[in-house]
Amino acid sequence: MLTRDQELWGMALWVDKHHGDAGGEFIASKIDQLSQVGEPDGARLWQDVARRYKQLVERKSRS
C-alpha cells in the first residue's frame, strides 16, 4: 500500500512525464479550476503535488 507522500510523488512524476515543461501550468490550472468550483480539498491536493513537482524540476535542473 502506498503512503500519501508516495501517491503525491507519483502524481508529480505523472505530470512531468505527460506535460514536461508545461507541468507547472497544468498544475496551476487544476488548482484554479478546483478553487473556482468550490473544491478546496482538491485544490489542496494539487498544491501538495505542485510542491513536489517543483522539487522534481529543481533536482532535474541540477543533474
PDB file of N, CA and C in Angstrom:
ATOM      1  N   MET A   1       0.837  -1.182   0.000  1.00  0.00           N
ATOM      2  CA  MET A   1       0.000   0.000   0.000  1.00  0.00           C
ATOM      3  C   MET A   1       0.882   1.246   0.000  1.00  0.00           C
ATOM      4  N   LEU A   2       0.519   2.217  -0.821  1.00  0.00           N
ATOM      5  CA  LEU A   2       1.281   3.453  -0.915  1.00  0.00           C
ATOM      6  C   LEU A   2       0.911   4.422   0.199  1.00  0.00           C
ATOM      7  N   THR A   3       1.912   5.177   0.636  1.00  0.00           N
ATOM      8  CA  THR A   3       1.637   6.252   1.580  1.00  0.00           C
ATOM      9  C   THR A   3       1.102   7.455   0.800  1.00  0.00           C
ATOM     10  N   ARG A   4       0.553   8.399   1.506  1.00  0.00           N
ATOM     11  CA  ARG A   4       0.055   9.632   0.864  1.00  0.00           C
ATOM     12  C   ARG A   4       1.202  10.346   0.146  1.00  0.00           C
ATOM     13  N   ASP A   5       2.357  10.405   0.781  1.00  0.00           N
ATOM     14  CA  ASP A   5       3.509  11.059   0.170  1.00  0.00           C
ATOM     15  C   ASP A   5       3.905  10.367  -1.137  1.00  0.00           C
ATOM     16  N   GLN A   6       3.897   9.050  -1.141  1.00  0.00           N
ATOM     17  CA  GLN A   6       4.225   8.307  -2.360  1.00  0.00           C
ATOM     18  C   GLN A   6       3.210   8.588  -3.462  1.00  0.00           C
ATOM     19  N   GLU A   7       1.941   8.676  -3.104  1.00  0.00           N
ATOM     20  CA  GLU A   7       0.908   8.995  -4.094  1.00  0.00           C
ATOM     21  C   GLU A   7       1.151  10.375  -4.702  1.00  0.00           C
ATOM     22  N   LEU A   8       1.493  11.347  -3.843  1.00  0.00           N
ATOM     23  CA  LEU A   8       1.729  12.703  -4.327  1.00  0.00           C
ATOM     24  C   LEU A   8       2.949  12.756  -5.236  1.00  0.00           C
ATOM     25  N   TRP A   9       4.014  12.043  -4.871  1.00  0.00           N
ATOM     26  CA  TRP A   9       5.182  11.979  -5.740  1.00  0.00           C
ATOM     27  C   TRP A   9       4.832  11.297  -7.063  1.00  0.00           C
ATOM     28  N   GLY A  10       3.999  10.275  -6.999  1.00  0.00           N
ATOM     29  CA  GLY A  10       3.560   9.610  -8.227  1.00  0.00           C
ATOM     30  C   GLY A  10       2.801  10.568  -9.142  1.00  0.00           C
ATOM     31  N   MET A  11       1.963  11.388  -8.558  1.00  0.00           N
ATOM     32  CA  MET A  11       1.224  12.376  -9.353  1.00  0.00           C
ATOM     33  C   MET A  11       2.179  13.388  -9.966  1.00  0.00           C
ATOM     34  N   ALA A  12       3.170  13.840  -9.180  1.00  0.00           N
ATOM     35  CA  ALA A  12       4.147  14.808  -9.701  1.00  0.00           C
ATOM     36  C   ALA A  12       4.939  14.196 -10.851  1.00  0.00           C
ATOM     37  N   LEU A  13       5.318  12.945 -10.714  1.00  0.00           N
ATOM     38  CA  LEU A  13       6.042  12.264 -11.789  1.00  0.00           C
ATOM     39  C   LEU A  13       5.170  12.097 -13.028  1.00  0.00           C
ATOM     40  N   TRP A  14       3.891  11.791 -12.834  1.00  0.00           N
ATOM     41  CA  TRP A  14       2.965  11.669 -13.950  1.00  0.00           C
ATOM     42  C   TRP A  14       2.859  12.998 -14.703  1.00  0.00           C
ATOM     43  N   VAL A  15       2.733  14.088 -13.955  1.00  0.00           N
ATOM     44  CA  VAL A  15       2.649  15.408 -14.583  1.00  0.00           C
ATOM     45  C   VAL A  15       3.908  15.667 -15.396  1.00  0.00           C
ATOM     46  N   ASP A  16       5.066  15.374 -14.827  1.00  0.00           N
ATOM     47  CA  ASP A  16       6.320  15.596 -15.538  1.00  0.00           C
ATOM     48  C   ASP A  16       6.374  14.763 -16.813  1.00  0.00           C
ATOM     49  N   LYS A  17       5.979  13.515 -16.734  1.00  0.00           N
ATOM     50  CA  LYS A  17       6.026  12.625 -17.899  1.00  0.00           C
ATOM     51  C   LYS A  17       5.066  13.076 -18.997  1.00  0.00           C
ATOM     52  N   HIS A  18       3.879  13.501 -18.625  1.00  0.00           N
ATOM     53  CA  HIS A  18       2.852  13.811 -19.619  1.00  0.00           C
ATOM     54  C   HIS A  18       2.801  15.279 -20.039  1.00  0.00           C
ATOM     55  N   HIS A  19       3.366  16.167 -19.226  1.00  0.00           N
ATOM     56  CA  HIS A  19       3.273  17.591 -19.543  1.00  0.00           C
ATOM     57  C   HIS A  19       4.633  18.280 -19.637  1.00  0.00           C
ATOM     58  N   GLY A  20       5.690  17.601 -19.223  1.00  0.00           N
ATOM     59  CA  GLY A  20       7.042  18.148 -19.353  1.00  0.00           C
ATOM     60  C   GLY A  20       7.166  19.547 -18.769  1.00  0.00           C
ATOM     61  N   ASP A  21       7.754  20.442 -19.568  1.00  0.00           N
ATOM     62  CA  ASP A  21       7.997  21.810 -19.107  1.00  0.00           C
ATOM     63  C   ASP A  21       6.710  22.582 -18.825  1.00  0.00           C
ATOM     64  N   ALA A  22       5.600  22.127 -19.363  1.00  0.00           N
ATOM     65  CA  ALA A  22       4.305  22.794 -19.122  1.00  0.00           C
ATOM     66  C   ALA A  22       3.607  22.243 -17.877  1.00  0.00           C
ATOM     67  N   GLY A  23       4.292  21.404 -17.120  1.00  0.00           N
ATOM     68  CA  GLY A  23       3.689  20.789 -15.938  1.00  0.00           C
ATOM     69  C   GLY A  23       3.232  21.794 -14.897  1.00  0.00           C
ATOM     70  N   GLY A  24       4.016  22.812 -14.670  1.00  0.00           N
ATOM     71  CA  GLY A  24       3.639  23.839 -13.699  1.00  0.00           C
ATOM     72  C   GLY A  24       2.353  24.540 -14.094  1.00  0.00           C
ATOM     73  N   GLU A  25       2.220  24.819 -15.385  1.00  0.00           N
ATOM     74  CA  GLU A  25       0.996  25.454 -15.888  1.00  0.00           C
ATOM     75  C   GLU A  25      -0.197  24.512 -15.743  1.00  0.00           C
ATOM     76  N   PHE A  26       0.019  23.225 -16.024  1.00  0.00           N
ATOM     77  CA  PHE A  26      -1.048  22.244 -15.883  1.00  0.00           C
ATOM     78  C   PHE A  26      -1.537  22.187 -14.441  1.00  0.00           C
ATOM     79  N   ILE A  27      -0.590  22.122 -13.503  1.00  0.00           N
ATOM     80  CA  ILE A  27      -0.956  22.054 -12.090  1.00  0.00           C
ATOM     81  C   ILE A  27      -1.678  23.318 -11.655  1.00  0.00           C
ATOM     82  N   ALA A  28      -1.169  24.465 -12.065  1.00  0.00           N
ATOM     83  CA  ALA A  28      -1.811  25.740 -11.707  1.00  0.00           C
ATOM     84  C   ALA A  28      -3.240  25.795 -12.227  1.00  0.00           C
ATOM     85  N   SER A  29      -3.469  25.273 -13.434  1.00  0.00           N
ATOM     86  CA  SER A  29      -4.832  25.291 -13.979  1.00  0.00           C
ATOM     87  C   SER A  29      -5.748  24.357 -13.199  1.00  0.00           C
ATOM     88  N   LYS A  30      -5.213  23.212 -12.749  1.00  0.00           N
ATOM     89  CA  LYS A  30      -6.017  22.295 -11.923  1.00  0.00           C
ATOM     90  C   LYS A  30      -6.408  22.974 -10.611  1.00  0.00           C
ATOM     91  N   ILE A  31      -5.452  23.648  -9.968  1.00  0.00           N
ATOM     92  CA  ILE A  31      -5.729  24.335  -8.709  1.00  0.00           C
ATOM     93  C   ILE A  31      -6.788  25.403  -8.925  1.00  0.00           C
ATOM     94  N   ASP A  32      -6.643  26.170  -9.991  1.00  0.00           N
ATOM     95  CA  ASP A  32      -7.593  27.240 -10.304  1.00  0.00           C
ATOM     96  C   ASP A  32      -8.990  26.685 -10.572  1.00  0.00           C
ATOM     97  N   GLN A  33      -9.070  25.646 -11.395  1.00  0.00           N
ATOM     98  CA  GLN A  33     -10.366  25.033 -11.719  1.00  0.00           C
ATOM     99  C   GLN A  33     -11.062  24.532 -10.463  1.00  0.00           C
ATOM    100  N   LEU A  34     -10.332  23.823  -9.637  1.00  0.00           N
ATOM    101  CA  LEU A  34     -10.923  23.255  -8.424  1.00  0.00           C
ATOM    102  C   LEU A  34     -11.349  24.340  -7.440  1.00  0.00           C
ATOM    103  N   SER A  35     -10.558  25.385  -7.351  1.00  0.00           N
ATOM    104  CA  SER A  35     -10.923  26.509  -6.473  1.00  0.00           C
ATOM    105  C   SER A  35     -12.194  27.184  -6.957  1.00  0.00           C
ATOM    106  N   GLN A  36     -12.305  27.357  -8.268  1.00  0.00           N
ATOM    107  CA  GLN A  36     -13.471  28.033  -8.838  1.00  0.00           C
ATOM    108  C   GLN A  36     -14.765  27.258  -8.650  1.00  0.00           C
ATOM    109  N   VAL A  37     -14.669  25.936  -8.628  1.00  0.00           N
ATOM    110  CA  VAL A  37     -15.890  25.134  -8.466  1.00  0.00           C
ATOM    111  C   VAL A  37     -16.157  24.750  -7.012  1.00  0.00           C
ATOM    112  N   GLY A  38     -15.392  25.347  -6.105  1.00  0.00           N
ATOM    113  CA  GLY A  38     -15.647  25.106  -4.684  1.00  0.00           C
ATOM    114  C   GLY A  38     -15.163  23.769  -4.174  1.00  0.00           C
ATOM    115  N   GLU A  39     -14.021  23.311  -4.680  1.00  0.00           N
ATOM    116  CA  GLU A  39     -13.424  22.047  -4.224  1.00  0.00           C
ATOM    117  C   GLU A  39     -12.089  22.325  -3.538  1.00  0.00           C
ATOM    118  N   PRO A  40     -12.125  22.878  -2.320  1.00  0.00           N
ATOM    119  CA  PRO A  40     -10.865  23.238  -1.660  1.00  0.00           C
ATOM    120  C   PRO A  40      -9.962  22.041  -1.363  1.00  0.00           C
ATOM    121  N   ASP A  41     -10.548  20.879  -1.094  1.00  0.00           N
ATOM    122  CA  ASP A  41      -9.716  19.701  -0.822  1.00  0.00           C
ATOM    123  C   ASP A  41      -8.945  19.289  -2.073  1.00  0.00           C
ATOM    124  N   GLY A  42      -9.605  19.338  -3.209  1.00  0.00           N
ATOM    125  CA  GLY A  42      -8.930  19.028  -4.471  1.00  0.00           C
ATOM    126  C   GLY A  42      -7.837  20.034  -4.788  1.00  0.00           C
ATOM    127  N   ALA A  43      -8.117  21.306  -4.532  1.00  0.00           N
ATOM    128  CA  ALA A  43      -7.116  22.349  -4.766  1.00  0.00           C
ATOM    129  C   ALA A  43      -5.904  22.130  -3.861  1.00  0.00           C
ATOM    130  N   ARG A  44      -6.141  21.762  -2.599  1.00  0.00           N
ATOM    131  CA  ARG A  44      -5.032  21.492  -1.676  1.00  0.00           C
ATOM    132  C   ARG A  44      -4.213  20.281  -2.136  1.00  0.00           C
ATOM    133  N   LEU A  45      -4.890  19.276  -2.645  1.00  0.00           N
ATOM    134  CA  LEU A  45      -4.195  18.104  -3.175  1.00  0.00           C
ATOM    135  C   LEU A  45      -3.201  18.531  -4.252  1.00  0.00           C
ATOM    136  N   TRP A  46      -3.668  19.338  -5.201  1.00  0.00           N
ATOM    137  CA  TRP A  46      -2.805  19.769  -6.299  1.00  0.00           C
ATOM    138  C   TRP A  46      -1.748  20.755  -5.831  1.00  0.00           C
ATOM    139  N   GLN A  47      -2.002  21.486  -4.760  1.00  0.00           N
ATOM    140  CA  GLN A  47      -0.959  22.342  -4.187  1.00  0.00           C
ATOM    141  C   GLN A  47       0.167  21.479  -3.619  1.00  0.00           C
ATOM    142  N   ASP A  48      -0.217  20.356  -2.995  1.00  0.00           N
ATOM    143  CA  ASP A  48       0.788  19.417  -2.492  1.00  0.00           C
ATOM    144  C   ASP A  48       1.581  18.806  -3.646  1.00  0.00           C
ATOM    145  N   VAL A  49       0.894  18.479  -4.724  1.00  0.00           N
ATOM    146  CA  VAL A  49       1.574  17.952  -5.916  1.00  0.00           C
ATOM    147  C   VAL A  49       2.517  19.017  -6.475  1.00  0.00           C
ATOM    148  N   ALA A  50       2.078  20.261  -6.490  1.00  0.00           N
ATOM    149  CA  ALA A  50       2.893  21.355  -7.018  1.00  0.00           C
ATOM    150  C   ALA A  50       4.211  21.473  -6.260  1.00  0.00           C
ATOM    151  N   ARG A  51       4.171  21.329  -4.946  1.00  0.00           N
ATOM    152  CA  ARG A  51       5.405  21.411  -4.157  1.00  0.00           C
ATOM    153  C   ARG A  51       6.379  20.300  -4.553  1.00  0.00           C
ATOM    154  N   ARG A  52       5.866  19.120  -4.748  1.00  0.00           N
ATOM    155  CA  ARG A  52       6.727  18.002  -5.139  1.00  0.00           C
ATOM    156  C   ARG A  52       7.222  18.163  -6.574  1.00  0.00           C
ATOM    157  N   TYR A  53       6.345  18.646  -7.440  1.00  0.00           N
ATOM    158  CA  TYR A  53       6.749  18.869  -8.825  1.00  0.00           C
ATOM    159  C   TYR A  53       7.887  19.900  -8.884  1.00  0.00           C
ATOM    160  N   LYS A  54       7.777  20.941  -8.080  1.00  0.00           N
ATOM    161  CA  LYS A  54       8.820  21.966  -8.037  1.00  0.00           C
ATOM    162  C   LYS A  54      10.149  21.345  -7.610  1.00  0.00           C
ATOM    163  N   GLN A  55      10.110  20.489  -6.587  1.00  0.00           N
ATOM    164  CA  GLN A  55      11.324  19.804  -6.137  1.00  0.00           C
ATOM    165  C   GLN A  55      11.890  18.920  -7.247  1.00  0.00           C
ATOM    166  N   LEU A  56      11.012  18.234  -7.945  1.00  0.00           N
ATOM    167  CA  LEU A  56      11.423  17.362  -9.038  1.00  0.00           C
ATOM    168  C   LEU A  56      12.129  18.160 -10.128  1.00  0.00           C
ATOM    169  N   VAL A  57      11.543  19.276 -10.516  1.00  0.00           N
ATOM    170  CA  VAL A  57      12.140  20.116 -11.554  1.00  0.00           C
ATOM    171  C   VAL A  57      13.493  20.657 -11.097  1.00  0.00           C
ATOM    172  N   GLU A  58      13.573  21.073  -9.826  1.00  0.00           N
ATOM    173  CA  GLU A  58      14.845  21.574  -9.298  1.00  0.00           C
ATOM    174  C   GLU A  58      15.923  20.494  -9.316  1.00  0.00           C
ATOM    175  N   ARG A  59      15.555  19.279  -8.944  1.00  0.00           N
ATOM    176  CA  ARG A  59      16.518  18.174  -8.948  1.00  0.00           C
ATOM    177  C   ARG A  59      16.983  17.862 -10.369  1.00  0.00           C
ATOM    178  N   LYS A  60      16.040  17.891 -11.311  1.00  0.00           N
ATOM    179  CA  LYS A  60      16.400  17.609 -12.705  1.00  0.00           C
ATOM    180  C   LYS A  60      17.333  18.670 -13.262  1.00  0.00           C
ATOM    181  N   SER A  61      17.128  19.919 -12.875  1.00  0.00           N
ATOM    182  CA  SER A  61      17.949  21.010 -13.412  1.00  0.00           C
ATOM    183  C   SER A  61      19.380  20.961 -12.850  1.00  0.00           C
ATOM    184  N   ARG A  62      19.551  20.365 -11.680  1.00  0.00           N
ATOM    185  CA  ARG A  62      20.891  20.237 -11.089  1.00  0.00           C
ATOM    186  C   ARG A  62      21.658  19.070 -11.676  1.00  0.00           C
ATOM    187  N   SER A  63      20.971  18.181 -12.337  1.00  0.00           N
ATOM    188  CA  SER A  63      21.632  16.975 -12.893  1.00  0.00           C
ATOM    189  C   SER A  63      22.344  17.268 -14.190  1.00  0.00           C
TER     190      SER A  63
END
